[in-house]
Amino acid sequence: MKPERKYFSKEYKLKAVGLCQQRENINSVAKELGLRADMLSRWKREYSQDQTKAFIGGGNSKKNNGQNEVVILRKKLREAELERDILKKAVSIFSKNDRLDINL
């Protein structure tokens, strides 16, 4: 079973990044906060790249509307293809049964 995913607020991430900037050793800060060092360094990198867009949350809000629409359309296409495949199999099964009944 997967471990439960932890969510951290923007304020928590900002304070953690602030501690990293005060101290040089990311590993010790991560250990104190009970985080993985790679997560903390990713937060620090995101913050240093663009402070206004860092930690906006939700993950999908960084995508523009065109990308969101593509994701939605691909999901609908997958569902339609799955329905089509199921119907094809059902038709072949029922047509086999009809041929068997005719031959009796």
N, C-alpha and C. Protein backbone atom coordinates (compact mmCIF):
# COMPACT_ATOMS: atom_id res chain seq x y z
N MET A 1 0.84 -1.18 0.00
CA MET A 1 0.00 0.00 0.00
C MET A 1 0.89 1.25 0.00
N LYS A 2 0.46 2.25 -0.73
CA LYS A 2 1.24 3.48 -0.84
C LYS A 2 1.17 4.27 0.47
N PRO A 3 2.27 4.91 0.84
CA PRO A 3 2.21 5.77 2.03
C PRO A 3 1.35 7.00 1.73
N GLU A 4 0.74 7.51 2.76
CA GLU A 4 -0.13 8.68 2.60
C GLU A 4 0.69 9.88 2.18
N ARG A 5 0.19 10.61 1.19
CA ARG A 5 0.91 11.75 0.65
C ARG A 5 0.77 12.94 1.59
N LYS A 6 1.89 13.63 1.82
CA LYS A 6 1.87 14.80 2.70
C LYS A 6 1.74 16.06 1.86
N TYR A 7 0.98 17.00 2.33
CA TYR A 7 0.82 18.29 1.67
C TYR A 7 1.35 19.37 2.60
N PHE A 8 2.11 20.28 2.05
CA PHE A 8 2.71 21.35 2.83
C PHE A 8 2.19 22.69 2.32
N SER A 9 1.90 23.57 3.25
CA SER A 9 1.39 24.89 2.88
C SER A 9 2.50 25.74 2.28
N LYS A 10 2.10 26.80 1.61
CA LYS A 10 3.06 27.71 1.00
C LYS A 10 3.93 28.35 2.08
N GLU A 11 3.34 28.70 3.20
CA GLU A 11 4.08 29.34 4.29
C GLU A 11 5.15 28.40 4.84
N TYR A 12 4.81 27.12 4.98
CA TYR A 12 5.76 26.13 5.48
C TYR A 12 6.94 26.01 4.52
N LYS A 13 6.64 25.94 3.22
CA LYS A 13 7.70 25.82 2.22
C LYS A 13 8.60 27.06 2.23
N LEU A 14 7.99 28.23 2.37
CA LEU A 14 8.78 29.46 2.40
C LEU A 14 9.72 29.50 3.61
N LYS A 15 9.20 29.06 4.77
CA LYS A 15 10.05 29.02 5.96
C LYS A 15 11.17 28.01 5.80
N ALA A 16 10.87 26.86 5.20
CA ALA A 16 11.89 25.84 4.99
C ALA A 16 12.97 26.35 4.03
N VAL A 17 12.56 27.04 2.97
CA VAL A 17 13.53 27.61 2.03
C VAL A 17 14.35 28.70 2.73
N GLY A 18 13.72 29.47 3.59
CA GLY A 18 14.44 30.50 4.34
C GLY A 18 15.51 29.89 5.23
N LEU A 19 15.19 28.77 5.88
CA LEU A 19 16.20 28.08 6.70
C LEU A 19 17.36 27.58 5.85
N CYS A 20 17.04 27.10 4.64
CA CYS A 20 18.10 26.62 3.74
C CYS A 20 19.02 27.76 3.32
N GLN A 21 18.44 28.92 3.14
CA GLN A 21 19.26 30.06 2.73
C GLN A 21 20.13 30.57 3.88
N GLN A 22 19.65 30.43 5.12
CA GLN A 22 20.44 30.84 6.28
C GLN A 22 21.61 29.89 6.51
N ARG A 23 21.34 28.61 6.33
CA ARG A 23 22.38 27.60 6.54
C ARG A 23 22.80 27.04 5.18
N GLU A 24 23.97 26.54 5.11
CA GLU A 24 24.49 25.99 3.85
C GLU A 24 24.13 24.52 3.68
N ASN A 25 23.98 23.79 4.77
CA ASN A 25 23.77 22.35 4.70
C ASN A 25 22.28 22.01 4.58
N ILE A 26 21.84 21.67 3.38
CA ILE A 26 20.43 21.33 3.15
C ILE A 26 20.07 20.04 3.86
N ASN A 27 21.00 19.10 3.92
CA ASN A 27 20.72 17.81 4.56
C ASN A 27 20.36 17.96 6.03
N SER A 28 21.06 18.83 6.74
CA SER A 28 20.75 19.00 8.17
C SER A 28 19.39 19.68 8.36
N VAL A 29 19.07 20.64 7.50
CA VAL A 29 17.76 21.31 7.59
C VAL A 29 16.65 20.31 7.29
N ALA A 30 16.86 19.50 6.25
CA ALA A 30 15.85 18.50 5.88
C ALA A 30 15.64 17.49 7.01
N LYS A 31 16.73 17.09 7.65
CA LYS A 31 16.63 16.14 8.75
C LYS A 31 15.86 16.75 9.93
N GLU A 32 16.12 18.02 10.23
CA GLU A 32 15.42 18.70 11.32
C GLU A 32 13.93 18.80 11.04
N LEU A 33 13.58 19.06 9.78
CA LEU A 33 12.17 19.25 9.43
C LEU A 33 11.46 17.94 9.10
N GLY A 34 12.21 16.85 9.01
CA GLY A 34 11.61 15.56 8.69
C GLY A 34 11.25 15.44 7.22
N LEU A 35 12.05 16.06 6.36
CA LEU A 35 11.81 16.04 4.92
C LEU A 35 12.96 15.34 4.23
N ARG A 36 12.72 14.99 2.96
CA ARG A 36 13.81 14.47 2.14
C ARG A 36 14.60 15.66 1.61
N ALA A 37 15.91 15.48 1.51
CA ALA A 37 16.79 16.57 1.06
C ALA A 37 16.49 16.96 -0.38
N ASP A 38 16.13 15.98 -1.22
CA ASP A 38 15.85 16.31 -2.62
C ASP A 38 14.59 17.16 -2.75
N MET A 39 13.61 16.93 -1.88
CA MET A 39 12.39 17.75 -1.90
C MET A 39 12.72 19.18 -1.51
N LEU A 40 13.51 19.32 -0.48
CA LEU A 40 13.87 20.65 0.00
C LEU A 40 14.71 21.41 -1.04
N SER A 41 15.60 20.71 -1.72
CA SER A 41 16.39 21.39 -2.75
C SER A 41 15.53 21.76 -3.96
N ARG A 42 14.50 20.96 -4.26
CA ARG A 42 13.57 21.31 -5.34
C ARG A 42 12.78 22.56 -4.97
N TRP A 43 12.33 22.64 -3.71
CA TRP A 43 11.61 23.84 -3.26
C TRP A 43 12.51 25.07 -3.39
N LYS A 44 13.77 24.91 -2.99
CA LYS A 44 14.72 26.02 -3.06
C LYS A 44 14.95 26.45 -4.51
N ARG A 45 15.07 25.48 -5.41
CA ARG A 45 15.27 25.78 -6.83
C ARG A 45 14.05 26.49 -7.42
N GLU A 46 12.84 26.00 -7.10
CA GLU A 46 11.62 26.64 -7.60
C GLU A 46 11.51 28.07 -7.11
N TYR A 47 11.86 28.28 -5.86
CA TYR A 47 11.77 29.62 -5.28
C TYR A 47 12.79 30.55 -5.93
N SER A 48 13.99 30.05 -6.20
CA SER A 48 15.02 30.90 -6.79
C SER A 48 14.73 31.22 -8.26
N GLN A 49 14.02 30.33 -8.96
CA GLN A 49 13.71 30.59 -10.37
C GLN A 49 12.69 31.71 -10.52
N ASP A 50 11.60 31.64 -9.77
CA ASP A 50 10.57 32.67 -9.86
C ASP A 50 9.80 32.71 -8.55
N GLN A 51 10.06 33.72 -7.75
CA GLN A 51 9.46 33.80 -6.42
C GLN A 51 7.95 34.01 -6.47
N THR A 52 7.46 34.65 -7.52
CA THR A 52 6.02 34.91 -7.59
C THR A 52 5.23 33.67 -7.96
N LYS A 53 5.83 32.76 -8.74
CA LYS A 53 5.12 31.57 -9.18
C LYS A 53 5.48 30.33 -8.37
N ALA A 54 6.34 30.47 -7.39
CA ALA A 54 6.74 29.33 -6.57
C ALA A 54 5.61 28.94 -5.63
N PHE A 55 5.37 27.66 -5.52
CA PHE A 55 4.41 27.08 -4.56
C PHE A 55 2.98 27.58 -4.79
N ILE A 56 2.53 27.60 -6.03
CA ILE A 56 1.16 28.06 -6.28
C ILE A 56 0.15 26.98 -5.98
N GLY A 57 0.57 25.73 -5.83
CA GLY A 57 -0.30 24.67 -5.40
C GLY A 57 -1.11 24.05 -6.51
N GLY A 58 -1.59 22.85 -6.27
CA GLY A 58 -2.44 22.15 -7.20
C GLY A 58 -1.70 21.48 -8.35
N GLY A 59 -0.54 21.94 -8.67
CA GLY A 59 0.25 21.32 -9.72
C GLY A 59 -0.23 21.62 -11.12
N ASN A 60 -1.52 21.62 -11.38
CA ASN A 60 -2.03 21.82 -12.72
C ASN A 60 -2.19 23.28 -13.09
N SER A 61 -2.16 24.17 -12.13
CA SER A 61 -2.39 25.58 -12.43
C SER A 61 -1.21 26.21 -13.17
N LYS A 62 -0.06 25.54 -13.22
CA LYS A 62 1.07 26.06 -13.98
C LYS A 62 0.83 25.91 -15.48
N LYS A 63 -0.04 24.96 -15.86
CA LYS A 63 -0.34 24.74 -17.26
C LYS A 63 -1.27 25.84 -17.76
N ASN A 64 -1.16 26.16 -19.02
CA ASN A 64 -2.09 27.13 -19.57
C ASN A 64 -3.38 26.42 -20.00
N ASN A 65 -4.38 27.18 -20.37
CA ASN A 65 -5.68 26.60 -20.71
C ASN A 65 -5.61 25.65 -21.88
N GLY A 66 -4.76 25.93 -22.85
CA GLY A 66 -4.62 25.04 -24.00
C GLY A 66 -4.12 23.67 -23.59
N GLN A 67 -3.18 23.63 -22.67
CA GLN A 67 -2.66 22.35 -22.21
C GLN A 67 -3.72 21.59 -21.42
N ASN A 68 -4.50 22.30 -20.60
CA ASN A 68 -5.56 21.64 -19.85
C ASN A 68 -6.60 21.05 -20.80
N GLU A 69 -6.92 21.79 -21.86
CA GLU A 69 -7.91 21.31 -22.82
C GLU A 69 -7.40 20.05 -23.53
N VAL A 70 -6.11 20.03 -23.86
CA VAL A 70 -5.53 18.85 -24.51
C VAL A 70 -5.62 17.64 -23.59
N VAL A 71 -5.33 17.83 -22.32
CA VAL A 71 -5.40 16.73 -21.35
C VAL A 71 -6.83 16.20 -21.27
N ILE A 72 -7.80 17.09 -21.22
CA ILE A 72 -9.20 16.68 -21.13
C ILE A 72 -9.61 15.93 -22.40
N LEU A 73 -9.23 16.45 -23.55
CA LEU A 73 -9.60 15.81 -24.81
C LEU A 73 -8.95 14.43 -24.96
N ARG A 74 -7.71 14.30 -24.52
CA ARG A 74 -7.05 12.99 -24.58
C ARG A 74 -7.75 11.98 -23.69
N LYS A 75 -8.20 12.43 -22.53
CA LYS A 75 -8.91 11.53 -21.61
C LYS A 75 -10.23 11.08 -22.24
N LYS A 76 -10.95 12.01 -22.86
CA LYS A 76 -12.21 11.65 -23.53
C LYS A 76 -11.97 10.69 -24.69
N LEU A 77 -10.88 10.90 -25.44
CA LEU A 77 -10.54 10.02 -26.54
C LEU A 77 -10.25 8.61 -26.04
N ARG A 78 -9.49 8.49 -24.95
CA ARG A 78 -9.20 7.18 -24.37
C ARG A 78 -10.48 6.46 -23.97
N GLU A 79 -11.41 7.20 -23.34
CA GLU A 79 -12.68 6.60 -22.92
C GLU A 79 -13.49 6.14 -24.13
N ALA A 80 -13.53 6.95 -25.19
CA ALA A 80 -14.27 6.59 -26.40
C ALA A 80 -13.66 5.36 -27.07
N GLU A 81 -12.33 5.29 -27.13
CA GLU A 81 -11.68 4.13 -27.71
C GLU A 81 -11.95 2.87 -26.91
N LEU A 82 -11.97 3.00 -25.59
CA LEU A 82 -12.26 1.85 -24.73
C LEU A 82 -13.69 1.36 -24.96
N GLU A 83 -14.64 2.29 -25.04
CA GLU A 83 -16.04 1.91 -25.31
C GLU A 83 -16.15 1.22 -26.66
N ARG A 84 -15.46 1.76 -27.68
CA ARG A 84 -15.49 1.17 -29.01
C ARG A 84 -14.96 -0.26 -28.98
N ASP A 85 -13.84 -0.46 -28.29
CA ASP A 85 -13.25 -1.80 -28.23
C ASP A 85 -14.17 -2.79 -27.53
N ILE A 86 -14.81 -2.34 -26.47
CA ILE A 86 -15.75 -3.21 -25.76
C ILE A 86 -16.93 -3.57 -26.66
N LEU A 87 -17.46 -2.60 -27.38
CA LEU A 87 -18.57 -2.89 -28.28
C LEU A 87 -18.17 -3.83 -29.41
N LYS A 88 -16.98 -3.68 -29.94
CA LYS A 88 -16.49 -4.59 -30.98
C LYS A 88 -16.45 -6.02 -30.47
N LYS A 89 -15.95 -6.21 -29.26
CA LYS A 89 -15.87 -7.54 -28.69
C LYS A 89 -17.26 -8.11 -28.44
N ALA A 90 -18.17 -7.27 -27.98
CA ALA A 90 -19.54 -7.73 -27.73
C ALA A 90 -20.21 -8.16 -29.03
N VAL A 91 -20.02 -7.41 -30.09
CA VAL A 91 -20.62 -7.75 -31.38
C VAL A 91 -20.08 -9.08 -31.87
N SER A 92 -18.77 -9.29 -31.73
CA SER A 92 -18.20 -10.55 -32.19
C SER A 92 -18.71 -11.73 -31.37
N ILE A 93 -18.89 -11.55 -30.09
CA ILE A 93 -19.40 -12.63 -29.24
C ILE A 93 -20.83 -12.95 -29.60
N PHE A 94 -21.67 -11.94 -29.77
CA PHE A 94 -23.07 -12.18 -30.10
C PHE A 94 -23.23 -12.74 -31.50
N SER A 95 -22.40 -12.34 -32.43
CA SER A 95 -22.51 -12.86 -33.79
C SER A 95 -22.09 -14.33 -33.83
N LYS A 96 -21.15 -14.76 -33.00
CA LYS A 96 -20.78 -16.17 -32.91
C LYS A 96 -21.96 -16.99 -32.41
N ASN A 97 -22.65 -16.47 -31.40
CA ASN A 97 -23.80 -17.17 -30.86
C ASN A 97 -24.91 -17.28 -31.89
N ASP A 98 -25.12 -16.24 -32.68
CA ASP A 98 -26.15 -16.28 -33.71
C ASP A 98 -25.80 -17.32 -34.76
N ARG A 99 -24.57 -17.43 -35.19
CA ARG A 99 -24.16 -18.42 -36.19
C ARG A 99 -24.33 -19.81 -35.65
N LEU A 100 -24.07 -20.04 -34.36
CA LEU A 100 -24.25 -21.36 -33.78
C LEU A 100 -25.72 -21.74 -33.76
N ASP A 101 -26.60 -20.80 -33.47
CA ASP A 101 -28.03 -21.09 -33.43
C ASP A 101 -28.57 -21.42 -34.82
N ILE A 102 -28.06 -20.79 -35.85
CA ILE A 102 -28.52 -21.03 -37.22
C ILE A 102 -28.12 -22.41 -37.69
N ASN A 103 -26.96 -22.87 -37.31
CA ASN A 103 -26.45 -24.17 -37.75
C ASN A 103 -27.17 -25.33 -37.08
N LEU A 104 -27.88 -25.13 -36.02
CA LEU A 104 -28.59 -26.24 -35.34
C LEU A 104 -29.72 -26.63 -36.17
